[in-house]
């Protein structure tokens, strides 16, 4: 399995999502569970070498995996998978990725 490296912005994205669910949504246990499930889905994606998917709104070298309503944008390299962003799939993706 290739190493998984999280960029600071990706870590911040995930923390903001989980904080919103816990505080704004009033569901701290759900936030904890989703955080665990999302990280497990990422691990599984790379452990099982699942196919990469491309999104037109993302930089050319990035791929994504989807977990429930979130997209995890990553860049595969020979040594690792670099997680760049974790975003809500219902958001305006071109705006999220600076296009």
PDB file of N, CA and C in Angstrom:
ATOM      1  N   UNK A   1       0.857  -1.193   0.000  1.00  0.00           N
ATOM      2  CA  UNK A   1       0.000   0.000   0.000  1.00  0.00           C
ATOM      3  C   UNK A   1       0.888   1.237   0.000  1.00  0.00           C
ATOM      4  N   UNK A   2       0.535   2.186  -0.817  1.00  0.00           N
ATOM      5  CA  UNK A   2       1.320   3.419  -0.873  1.00  0.00           C
ATOM      6  C   UNK A   2       1.004   4.272   0.352  1.00  0.00           C
ATOM      7  N   UNK A   3       1.981   5.047   0.764  1.00  0.00           N
ATOM      8  CA  UNK A   3       1.795   5.938   1.914  1.00  0.00           C
ATOM      9  C   UNK A   3       0.754   7.001   1.591  1.00  0.00           C
ATOM     10  N   UNK A   4       0.062   7.440   2.598  1.00  0.00           N
ATOM     11  CA  UNK A   4      -0.936   8.492   2.442  1.00  0.00           C
ATOM     12  C   UNK A   4      -0.447   9.708   3.217  1.00  0.00           C
ATOM     13  N   UNK A   5      -0.259  10.799   2.496  1.00  0.00           N
ATOM     14  CA  UNK A   5       0.198  12.047   3.105  1.00  0.00           C
ATOM     15  C   UNK A   5      -0.905  13.090   2.984  1.00  0.00           C
ATOM     16  N   UNK A   6      -1.204  13.753   4.075  1.00  0.00           N
ATOM     17  CA  UNK A   6      -2.230  14.790   4.096  1.00  0.00           C
ATOM     18  C   UNK A   6      -1.563  16.164   4.081  1.00  0.00           C
ATOM     19  N   UNK A   7      -2.007  17.033   3.182  1.00  0.00           N
ATOM     20  CA  UNK A   7      -1.537  18.416   3.202  1.00  0.00           C
ATOM     21  C   UNK A   7      -2.246  19.142   4.346  1.00  0.00           C
ATOM     22  N   UNK A   8      -1.666  20.230   4.836  1.00  0.00           N
ATOM     23  CA  UNK A   8      -2.341  20.990   5.903  1.00  0.00           C
ATOM     24  C   UNK A   8      -3.742  21.456   5.500  1.00  0.00           C
ATOM     25  N   UNK A   9      -3.921  21.871   4.242  1.00  0.00           N
ATOM     26  CA  UNK A   9      -5.254  22.334   3.832  1.00  0.00           C
ATOM     27  C   UNK A   9      -6.265  21.186   3.822  1.00  0.00           C
ATOM     28  N   UNK A  10      -5.847  19.988   3.446  1.00  0.00           N
ATOM     29  CA  UNK A  10      -6.752  18.829   3.467  1.00  0.00           C
ATOM     30  C   UNK A  10      -7.146  18.493   4.899  1.00  0.00           C
ATOM     31  N   UNK A  11      -6.181  18.541   5.818  1.00  0.00           N
ATOM     32  CA  UNK A  11      -6.487  18.297   7.229  1.00  0.00           C
ATOM     33  C   UNK A  11      -7.468  19.344   7.748  1.00  0.00           C
ATOM     34  N   UNK A  12      -7.248  20.593   7.344  1.00  0.00           N
ATOM     35  CA  UNK A  12      -8.149  21.673   7.751  1.00  0.00           C
ATOM     36  C   UNK A  12      -9.546  21.474   7.158  1.00  0.00           C
ATOM     37  N   UNK A  13      -9.615  21.073   5.896  1.00  0.00           N
ATOM     38  CA  UNK A  13     -10.909  20.788   5.265  1.00  0.00           C
ATOM     39  C   UNK A  13     -11.690  19.770   6.089  1.00  0.00           C
ATOM     40  N   UNK A  14     -11.018  18.670   6.438  1.00  0.00           N
ATOM     41  CA  UNK A  14     -11.694  17.609   7.179  1.00  0.00           C
ATOM     42  C   UNK A  14     -12.131  18.102   8.555  1.00  0.00           C
ATOM     43  N   UNK A  15     -11.264  18.831   9.235  1.00  0.00           N
ATOM     44  CA  UNK A  15     -11.615  19.358  10.555  1.00  0.00           C
ATOM     45  C   UNK A  15     -12.825  20.289  10.477  1.00  0.00           C
ATOM     46  N   UNK A  16     -12.877  21.138   9.440  1.00  0.00           N
ATOM     47  CA  UNK A  16     -14.012  22.052   9.282  1.00  0.00           C
ATOM     48  C   UNK A  16     -15.311  21.286   9.023  1.00  0.00           C
ATOM     49  N   UNK A  17     -15.237  20.260   8.210  1.00  0.00           N
ATOM     50  CA  UNK A  17     -16.418  19.442   7.929  1.00  0.00           C
ATOM     51  C   UNK A  17     -16.922  18.799   9.209  1.00  0.00           C
ATOM     52  N   UNK A  18     -16.004  18.192   9.959  1.00  0.00           N
ATOM     53  CA  UNK A  18     -16.400  17.492  11.178  1.00  0.00           C
ATOM     54  C   UNK A  18     -16.882  18.466  12.247  1.00  0.00           C
ATOM     55  N   UNK A  19     -16.262  19.633  12.326  1.00  0.00           N
ATOM     56  CA  UNK A  19     -16.700  20.648  13.286  1.00  0.00           C
ATOM     57  C   UNK A  19     -18.107  21.131  12.939  1.00  0.00           C
ATOM     58  N   UNK A  20     -18.370  21.331  11.670  1.00  0.00           N
ATOM     59  CA  UNK A  20     -19.708  21.761  11.242  1.00  0.00           C
ATOM     60  C   UNK A  20     -20.759  20.722  11.644  1.00  0.00           C
ATOM     61  N   UNK A  21     -20.468  19.454  11.399  1.00  0.00           N
ATOM     62  CA  UNK A  21     -21.407  18.388  11.744  1.00  0.00           C
ATOM     63  C   UNK A  21     -21.608  18.333  13.260  1.00  0.00           C
ATOM     64  N   UNK A  22     -20.514  18.439  14.005  1.00  0.00           N
ATOM     65  CA  UNK A  22     -20.586  18.323  15.464  1.00  0.00           C
ATOM     66  C   UNK A  22     -21.264  19.512  16.119  1.00  0.00           C
ATOM     67  N   UNK A  23     -20.864  20.721  15.718  1.00  0.00           N
ATOM     68  CA  UNK A  23     -21.330  21.924  16.404  1.00  0.00           C
ATOM     69  C   UNK A  23     -22.580  22.505  15.750  1.00  0.00           C
ATOM     70  N   UNK A  24     -22.476  22.836  14.469  1.00  0.00           N
ATOM     71  CA  UNK A  24     -23.610  23.443  13.781  1.00  0.00           C
ATOM     72  C   UNK A  24     -24.765  22.465  13.638  1.00  0.00           C
ATOM     73  N   UNK A  25     -24.429  21.229  13.327  1.00  0.00           N
ATOM     74  CA  UNK A  25     -25.465  20.214  13.168  1.00  0.00           C
ATOM     75  C   UNK A  25     -25.911  19.592  14.478  1.00  0.00           C
ATOM     76  N   UNK A  26     -25.110  19.784  15.520  1.00  0.00           N
ATOM     77  CA  UNK A  26     -25.457  19.239  16.824  1.00  0.00           C
ATOM     78  C   UNK A  26     -25.305  17.730  16.928  1.00  0.00           C
ATOM     79  N   UNK A  27     -24.377  17.173  16.148  1.00  0.00           N
ATOM     80  CA  UNK A  27     -24.201  15.713  16.127  1.00  0.00           C
ATOM     81  C   UNK A  27     -22.734  15.333  16.314  1.00  0.00           C
ATOM     82  N   UNK A  28     -22.197  15.511  17.516  1.00  0.00           N
ATOM     83  CA  UNK A  28     -20.776  15.209  17.722  1.00  0.00           C
ATOM     84  C   UNK A  28     -20.419  13.742  17.486  1.00  0.00           C
ATOM     85  N   UNK A  29     -21.286  12.827  17.855  1.00  0.00           N
ATOM     86  CA  UNK A  29     -21.005  11.409  17.642  1.00  0.00           C
ATOM     87  C   UNK A  29     -21.002  11.075  16.146  1.00  0.00           C
ATOM     88  N   UNK A  30     -21.903  11.684  15.402  1.00  0.00           N
ATOM     89  CA  UNK A  30     -21.935  11.482  13.956  1.00  0.00           C
ATOM     90  C   UNK A  30     -20.649  12.014  13.323  1.00  0.00           C
ATOM     91  N   UNK A  31     -20.185  13.166  13.777  1.00  0.00           N
ATOM     92  CA  UNK A  31     -18.938  13.739  13.253  1.00  0.00           C
ATOM     93  C   UNK A  31     -17.771  12.791  13.511  1.00  0.00           C
ATOM     94  N   UNK A  32     -17.670  12.252  14.705  1.00  0.00           N
ATOM     95  CA  UNK A  32     -16.596  11.319  15.035  1.00  0.00           C
ATOM     96  C   UNK A  32     -16.649  10.093  14.131  1.00  0.00           C
ATOM     97  N   UNK A  33     -17.849   9.549  13.956  1.00  0.00           N
ATOM     98  CA  UNK A  33     -18.029   8.353  13.126  1.00  0.00           C
ATOM     99  C   UNK A  33     -17.668   8.635  11.669  1.00  0.00           C
ATOM    100  N   UNK A  34     -18.132   9.767  11.146  1.00  0.00           N
ATOM    101  CA  UNK A  34     -17.837  10.110   9.752  1.00  0.00           C
ATOM    102  C   UNK A  34     -16.337  10.303   9.553  1.00  0.00           C
ATOM    103  N   UNK A  35     -15.665  10.936  10.500  1.00  0.00           N
ATOM    104  CA  UNK A  35     -14.220  11.098  10.404  1.00  0.00           C
ATOM    105  C   UNK A  35     -13.511   9.754  10.326  1.00  0.00           C
ATOM    106  N   UNK A  36     -13.912   8.823  11.166  1.00  0.00           N
ATOM    107  CA  UNK A  36     -13.318   7.482  11.152  1.00  0.00           C
ATOM    108  C   UNK A  36     -13.630   6.751   9.847  1.00  0.00           C
ATOM    109  N   UNK A  37     -14.886   6.830   9.418  1.00  0.00           N
ATOM    110  CA  UNK A  37     -15.293   6.146   8.189  1.00  0.00           C
ATOM    111  C   UNK A  37     -14.581   6.720   6.963  1.00  0.00           C
ATOM    112  N   UNK A  38     -14.443   8.024   6.918  1.00  0.00           N
ATOM    113  CA  UNK A  38     -13.780   8.663   5.775  1.00  0.00           C
ATOM    114  C   UNK A  38     -12.316   8.228   5.695  1.00  0.00           C
ATOM    115  N   UNK A  39     -11.627   8.256   6.818  1.00  0.00           N
ATOM    116  CA  UNK A  39     -10.223   7.825   6.819  1.00  0.00           C
ATOM    117  C   UNK A  39     -10.112   6.338   6.451  1.00  0.00           C
ATOM    118  N   UNK A  40     -11.039   5.521   6.913  1.00  0.00           N
ATOM    119  CA  UNK A  40     -11.029   4.093   6.558  1.00  0.00           C
ATOM    120  C   UNK A  40     -11.286   3.907   5.061  1.00  0.00           C
ATOM    121  N   UNK A  41     -12.187   4.712   4.484  1.00  0.00           N
ATOM    122  CA  UNK A  41     -12.476   4.616   3.053  1.00  0.00           C
ATOM    123  C   UNK A  41     -11.251   5.007   2.227  1.00  0.00           C
ATOM    124  N   UNK A  42     -10.508   5.997   2.688  1.00  0.00           N
ATOM    125  CA  UNK A  42      -9.282   6.406   1.998  1.00  0.00           C
ATOM    126  C   UNK A  42      -8.253   5.277   2.065  1.00  0.00           C
ATOM    127  N   UNK A  43      -8.045   4.733   3.245  1.00  0.00           N
ATOM    128  CA  UNK A  43      -7.104   3.613   3.399  1.00  0.00           C
ATOM    129  C   UNK A  43      -7.487   2.446   2.488  1.00  0.00           C
ATOM    130  N   UNK A  44      -8.760   2.107   2.486  1.00  0.00           N
ATOM    131  CA  UNK A  44      -9.258   0.990   1.670  1.00  0.00           C
ATOM    132  C   UNK A  44      -9.042   1.258   0.174  1.00  0.00           C
ATOM    133  N   UNK A  45      -9.291   2.491  -0.241  1.00  0.00           N
ATOM    134  CA  UNK A  45      -9.128   2.877  -1.645  1.00  0.00           C
ATOM    135  C   UNK A  45      -7.715   2.555  -2.133  1.00  0.00           C
ATOM    136  N   UNK A  46      -6.725   2.907  -1.326  1.00  0.00           N
ATOM    137  CA  UNK A  46      -5.338   2.677  -1.735  1.00  0.00           C
ATOM    138  C   UNK A  46      -4.879   1.245  -1.466  1.00  0.00           C
ATOM    139  N   UNK A  47      -5.348   0.648  -0.410  1.00  0.00           N
ATOM    140  CA  UNK A  47      -4.982  -0.733  -0.103  1.00  0.00           C
ATOM    141  C   UNK A  47      -5.468  -1.678  -1.199  1.00  0.00           C
ATOM    142  N   UNK A  48      -6.662  -1.417  -1.712  1.00  0.00           N
ATOM    143  CA  UNK A  48      -7.261  -2.272  -2.737  1.00  0.00           C
ATOM    144  C   UNK A  48      -6.950  -1.783  -4.154  1.00  0.00           C
ATOM    145  N   UNK A  49      -6.147  -0.740  -4.259  1.00  0.00           N
ATOM    146  CA  UNK A  49      -5.779  -0.163  -5.565  1.00  0.00           C
ATOM    147  C   UNK A  49      -7.004   0.064  -6.443  1.00  0.00           C
ATOM    148  N   UNK A  50      -8.003   0.725  -5.869  1.00  0.00           N
ATOM    149  CA  UNK A  50      -9.218   1.019  -6.620  1.00  0.00           C
ATOM    150  C   UNK A  50      -8.912   2.028  -7.728  1.00  0.00           C
ATOM    151  N   UNK A  51      -9.689   1.988  -8.807  1.00  0.00           N
ATOM    152  CA  UNK A  51      -9.412   2.880  -9.935  1.00  0.00           C
ATOM    153  C   UNK A  51      -9.528   4.361  -9.551  1.00  0.00           C
ATOM    154  N   UNK A  52      -8.650   5.136 -10.140  1.00  0.00           N
ATOM    155  CA  UNK A  52      -8.665   6.579  -9.915  1.00  0.00           C
ATOM    156  C   UNK A  52      -9.695   7.224 -10.828  1.00  0.00           C
ATOM    157  N   UNK A  53     -10.311   8.286 -10.330  1.00  0.00           N
ATOM    158  CA  UNK A  53     -11.283   9.022 -11.135  1.00  0.00           C
ATOM    159  C   UNK A  53     -10.798  10.456 -11.289  1.00  0.00           C
ATOM    160  N   UNK A  54     -11.062  11.022 -12.424  1.00  0.00           N
ATOM    161  CA  UNK A  54     -10.650  12.388 -12.747  1.00  0.00           C
ATOM    162  C   UNK A  54     -11.865  13.302 -12.727  1.00  0.00           C
ATOM    163  N   UNK A  55     -11.678  14.528 -12.291  1.00  0.00           N
ATOM    164  CA  UNK A  55     -12.746  15.532 -12.300  1.00  0.00           C
ATOM    165  C   UNK A  55     -12.232  16.754 -13.050  1.00  0.00           C
ATOM    166  N   UNK A  56     -13.016  17.250 -13.982  1.00  0.00           N
ATOM    167  CA  UNK A  56     -12.595  18.373 -14.835  1.00  0.00           C
ATOM    168  C   UNK A  56     -12.278  19.643 -14.048  1.00  0.00           C
ATOM    169  N   UNK A  57     -12.871  19.814 -12.883  1.00  0.00           N
ATOM    170  CA  UNK A  57     -12.640  21.027 -12.099  1.00  0.00           C
ATOM    171  C   UNK A  57     -11.340  20.980 -11.307  1.00  0.00           C
ATOM    172  N   UNK A  58     -10.706  19.821 -11.242  1.00  0.00           N
ATOM    173  CA  UNK A  58      -9.481  19.661 -10.454  1.00  0.00           C
ATOM    174  C   UNK A  58      -8.251  19.776 -11.345  1.00  0.00           C
ATOM    175  N   UNK A  59      -7.109  20.094 -10.748  1.00  0.00           N
ATOM    176  CA  UNK A  59      -5.871  20.096 -11.537  1.00  0.00           C
ATOM    177  C   UNK A  59      -5.663  18.754 -12.243  1.00  0.00           C
ATOM    178  N   UNK A  60      -5.000  18.788 -13.362  1.00  0.00           N
ATOM    179  CA  UNK A  60      -4.831  17.617 -14.231  1.00  0.00           C
ATOM    180  C   UNK A  60      -4.262  16.390 -13.519  1.00  0.00           C
ATOM    181  N   UNK A  61      -3.307  16.579 -12.640  1.00  0.00           N
ATOM    182  CA  UNK A  61      -2.637  15.435 -11.998  1.00  0.00           C
ATOM    183  C   UNK A  61      -3.417  14.869 -10.814  1.00  0.00           C
ATOM    184  N   UNK A  62      -4.496  15.540 -10.411  1.00  0.00           N
ATOM    185  CA  UNK A  62      -5.265  15.090  -9.255  1.00  0.00           C
ATOM    186  C   UNK A  62      -6.314  14.073  -9.664  1.00  0.00           C
ATOM    187  N   UNK A  63      -6.641  13.222  -8.742  1.00  0.00           N
ATOM    188  CA  UNK A  63      -7.733  12.261  -8.882  1.00  0.00           C
ATOM    189  C   UNK A  63      -8.612  12.414  -7.655  1.00  0.00           C
ATOM    190  N   UNK A  64      -9.728  11.710  -7.639  1.00  0.00           N
ATOM    191  CA  UNK A  64     -10.573  11.803  -6.452  1.00  0.00           C
ATOM    192  C   UNK A  64     -11.215  10.462  -6.142  1.00  0.00           C
ATOM    193  N   UNK A  65     -11.619  10.353  -4.888  1.00  0.00           N
ATOM    194  CA  UNK A  65     -12.477   9.259  -4.474  1.00  0.00           C
ATOM    195  C   UNK A  65     -13.651   9.907  -3.760  1.00  0.00           C
ATOM    196  N   UNK A  66     -14.780   9.263  -3.824  1.00  0.00           N
ATOM    197  CA  UNK A  66     -15.980   9.810  -3.199  1.00  0.00           C
ATOM    198  C   UNK A  66     -16.380   8.937  -2.033  1.00  0.00           C
ATOM    199  N   UNK A  67     -16.680   9.604  -0.921  1.00  0.00           N
ATOM    200  CA  UNK A  67     -17.234   8.917   0.242  1.00  0.00           C
ATOM    201  C   UNK A  67     -18.471   9.692   0.653  1.00  0.00           C
ATOM    202  N   UNK A  68     -19.614   9.034   0.569  1.00  0.00           N
ATOM    203  CA  UNK A  68     -20.904   9.671   0.841  1.00  0.00           C
ATOM    204  C   UNK A  68     -20.989  10.973   0.043  1.00  0.00           C
ATOM    205  N   UNK A  69     -21.033  12.129   0.703  1.00  0.00           N
ATOM    206  CA  UNK A  69     -21.191  13.383  -0.038  1.00  0.00           C
ATOM    207  C   UNK A  69     -19.891  14.168  -0.169  1.00  0.00           C
ATOM    208  N   UNK A  70     -18.765  13.551   0.167  1.00  0.00           N
ATOM    209  CA  UNK A  70     -17.488  14.247   0.143  1.00  0.00           C
ATOM    210  C   UNK A  70     -16.559  13.677  -0.918  1.00  0.00           C
ATOM    211  N   UNK A  71     -15.816  14.574  -1.546  1.00  0.00           N
ATOM    212  CA  UNK A  71     -14.786  14.177  -2.498  1.00  0.00           C
ATOM    213  C   UNK A  71     -13.431  14.389  -1.840  1.00  0.00           C
ATOM    214  N   UNK A  72     -12.595  13.391  -1.958  1.00  0.00           N
ATOM    215  CA  UNK A  72     -11.232  13.471  -1.455  1.00  0.00           C
ATOM    216  C   UNK A  72     -10.334  13.598  -2.682  1.00  0.00           C
ATOM    217  N   UNK A  73      -9.749  14.775  -2.856  1.00  0.00           N
ATOM    218  CA  UNK A  73      -8.886  15.047  -4.009  1.00  0.00           C
ATOM    219  C   UNK A  73      -7.455  14.699  -3.622  1.00  0.00           C
ATOM    220  N   UNK A  74      -6.836  13.860  -4.444  1.00  0.00           N
ATOM    221  CA  UNK A  74      -5.479  13.428  -4.144  1.00  0.00           C
ATOM    222  C   UNK A  74      -4.646  13.387  -5.414  1.00  0.00           C
ATOM    223  N   UNK A  75      -3.345  13.363  -5.198  1.00  0.00           N
ATOM    224  CA  UNK A  75      -2.408  13.266  -6.305  1.00  0.00           C
ATOM    225  C   UNK A  75      -1.574  12.001  -6.101  1.00  0.00           C
ATOM    226  N   UNK A  76      -1.685  11.049  -7.015  1.00  0.00           N
ATOM    227  CA  UNK A  76      -0.870   9.841  -6.871  1.00  0.00           C
ATOM    228  C   UNK A  76       0.570  10.126  -7.309  1.00  0.00           C
ATOM    229  N   UNK A  77       1.512   9.672  -6.527  1.00  0.00           N
ATOM    230  CA  UNK A  77       2.924   9.756  -6.882  1.00  0.00           C
ATOM    231  C   UNK A  77       3.490   8.349  -6.737  1.00  0.00           C
ATOM    232  N   UNK A  78       4.679   8.091  -7.241  1.00  0.00           N
ATOM    233  CA  UNK A  78       5.251   6.748  -7.088  1.00  0.00           C
ATOM    234  C   UNK A  78       5.433   6.336  -5.623  1.00  0.00           C
ATOM    235  N   UNK A  79       5.691   7.302  -4.753  1.00  0.00           N
ATOM    236  CA  UNK A  79       5.950   6.987  -3.352  1.00  0.00           C
ATOM    237  C   UNK A  79       4.724   7.078  -2.449  1.00  0.00           C
ATOM    238  N   UNK A  80       3.754   7.897  -2.830  1.00  0.00           N
ATOM    239  CA  UNK A  80       2.652   8.190  -1.910  1.00  0.00           C
ATOM    240  C   UNK A  80       1.421   8.674  -2.660  1.00  0.00           C
ATOM    241  N   UNK A  81       0.356   8.783  -1.910  1.00  0.00           N
ATOM    242  CA  UNK A  81      -0.845   9.470  -2.382  1.00  0.00           C
ATOM    243  C   UNK A  81      -0.954  10.714  -1.504  1.00  0.00           C
ATOM    244  N   UNK A  82      -0.946  11.878  -2.135  1.00  0.00           N
ATOM    245  CA  UNK A  82      -0.987  13.135  -1.402  1.00  0.00           C
ATOM    246  C   UNK A  82      -2.426  13.641  -1.410  1.00  0.00           C
ATOM    247  N   UNK A  83      -3.040  13.681  -0.238  1.00  0.00           N
ATOM    248  CA  UNK A  83      -4.407  14.191  -0.111  1.00  0.00           C
ATOM    249  C   UNK A  83      -4.321  15.713  -0.095  1.00  0.00           C
ATOM    250  N   UNK A  84      -4.946  16.351  -1.110  1.00  0.00           N
ATOM    251  CA  UNK A  84      -4.878  17.807  -1.228  1.00  0.00           C
ATOM    252  C   UNK A  84      -6.100  18.505  -0.643  1.00  0.00           C
ATOM    253  N   UNK A  85      -7.275  17.941  -0.854  1.00  0.00           N
ATOM    254  CA  UNK A  85      -8.509  18.594  -0.395  1.00  0.00           C
ATOM    255  C   UNK A  85      -9.543  17.548  -0.026  1.00  0.00           C
ATOM    256  N   UNK A  86     -10.455  17.937   0.868  1.00  0.00           N
ATOM    257  CA  UNK A  86     -11.653  17.161   1.176  1.00  0.00           C
ATOM    258  C   UNK A  86     -12.791  18.166   1.094  1.00  0.00           C
ATOM    259  N   UNK A  87     -13.684  17.983   0.110  1.00  0.00           N
ATOM    260  CA  UNK A  87     -14.731  18.974  -0.121  1.00  0.00           C
ATOM    261  C   UNK A  87     -16.095  18.300  -0.220  1.00  0.00           C
ATOM    262  N   UNK A  88     -17.106  19.085   0.061  1.00  0.00           N
ATOM    263  CA  UNK A  88     -18.481  18.637  -0.082  1.00  0.00           C
ATOM    264  C   UNK A  88     -18.801  18.591  -1.576  1.00  0.00           C
ATOM    265  N   UNK A  89     -19.255  17.460  -2.056  1.00  0.00           N
ATOM    266  CA  UNK A  89     -19.502  17.279  -3.491  1.00  0.00           C
ATOM    267  C   UNK A  89     -20.630  18.154  -4.020  1.00  0.00           C
ATOM    268  N   UNK A  90     -21.472  18.703  -3.152  1.00  0.00           N
ATOM    269  CA  UNK A  90     -22.562  19.546  -3.638  1.00  0.00           C
ATOM    270  C   UNK A  90     -22.139  21.010  -3.765  1.00  0.00           C
ATOM    271  N   UNK A  91     -20.897  21.325  -3.409  1.00  0.00           N
ATOM    272  CA  UNK A  91     -20.409  22.695  -3.533  1.00  0.00           C
ATOM    273  C   UNK A  91     -20.008  22.989  -4.965  1.00  0.00           C
ATOM    274  N   UNK A  92     -19.767  24.247  -5.235  1.00  0.00           N
ATOM    275  CA  UNK A  92     -19.328  24.699  -6.557  1.00  0.00           C
ATOM    276  C   UNK A  92     -17.855  24.335  -6.725  1.00  0.00           C
ATOM    277  N   UNK A  93     -17.587  23.174  -7.334  1.00  0.00           N
ATOM    278  CA  UNK A  93     -16.220  22.668  -7.416  1.00  0.00           C
ATOM    279  C   UNK A  93     -15.268  23.559  -8.211  1.00  0.00           C
ATOM    280  N   UNK A  94     -15.650  24.113  -9.358  1.00  0.00           N
ATOM    281  CA  UNK A  94     -14.704  25.009 -10.036  1.00  0.00           C
ATOM    282  C   UNK A  94     -14.239  26.158  -9.139  1.00  0.00           C
ATOM    283  N   UNK A  95     -15.130  26.697  -8.326  1.00  0.00           N
ATOM    284  CA  UNK A  95     -14.755  27.775  -7.424  1.00  0.00           C
ATOM    285  C   UNK A  95     -13.838  27.237  -6.324  1.00  0.00           C
ATOM    286  N   UNK A  96     -14.099  26.032  -5.839  1.00  0.00           N
ATOM    287  CA  UNK A  96     -13.275  25.419  -4.797  1.00  0.00           C
ATOM    288  C   UNK A  96     -11.841  25.198  -5.251  1.00  0.00           C
ATOM    289  N   UNK A  97     -11.662  24.917  -6.534  1.00  0.00           N
ATOM    290  CA  UNK A  97     -10.334  24.629  -7.038  1.00  0.00           C
ATOM    291  C   UNK A  97      -9.755  25.775  -7.851  1.00  0.00           C
ATOM    292  N   UNK A  98     -10.282  26.975  -7.646  1.00  0.00           N
ATOM    293  CA  UNK A  98      -9.694  28.172  -8.221  1.00  0.00           C
ATOM    294  C   UNK A  98      -9.887  28.352  -9.707  1.00  0.00           C
ATOM    295  N   UNK A  99     -10.940  27.780 -10.271  1.00  0.00           N
ATOM    296  CA  UNK A  99     -11.175  27.944 -11.714  1.00  0.00           C
ATOM    297  C   UNK A  99     -12.295  28.938 -11.935  1.00  0.00           C
TER     298      UNK A  99
END
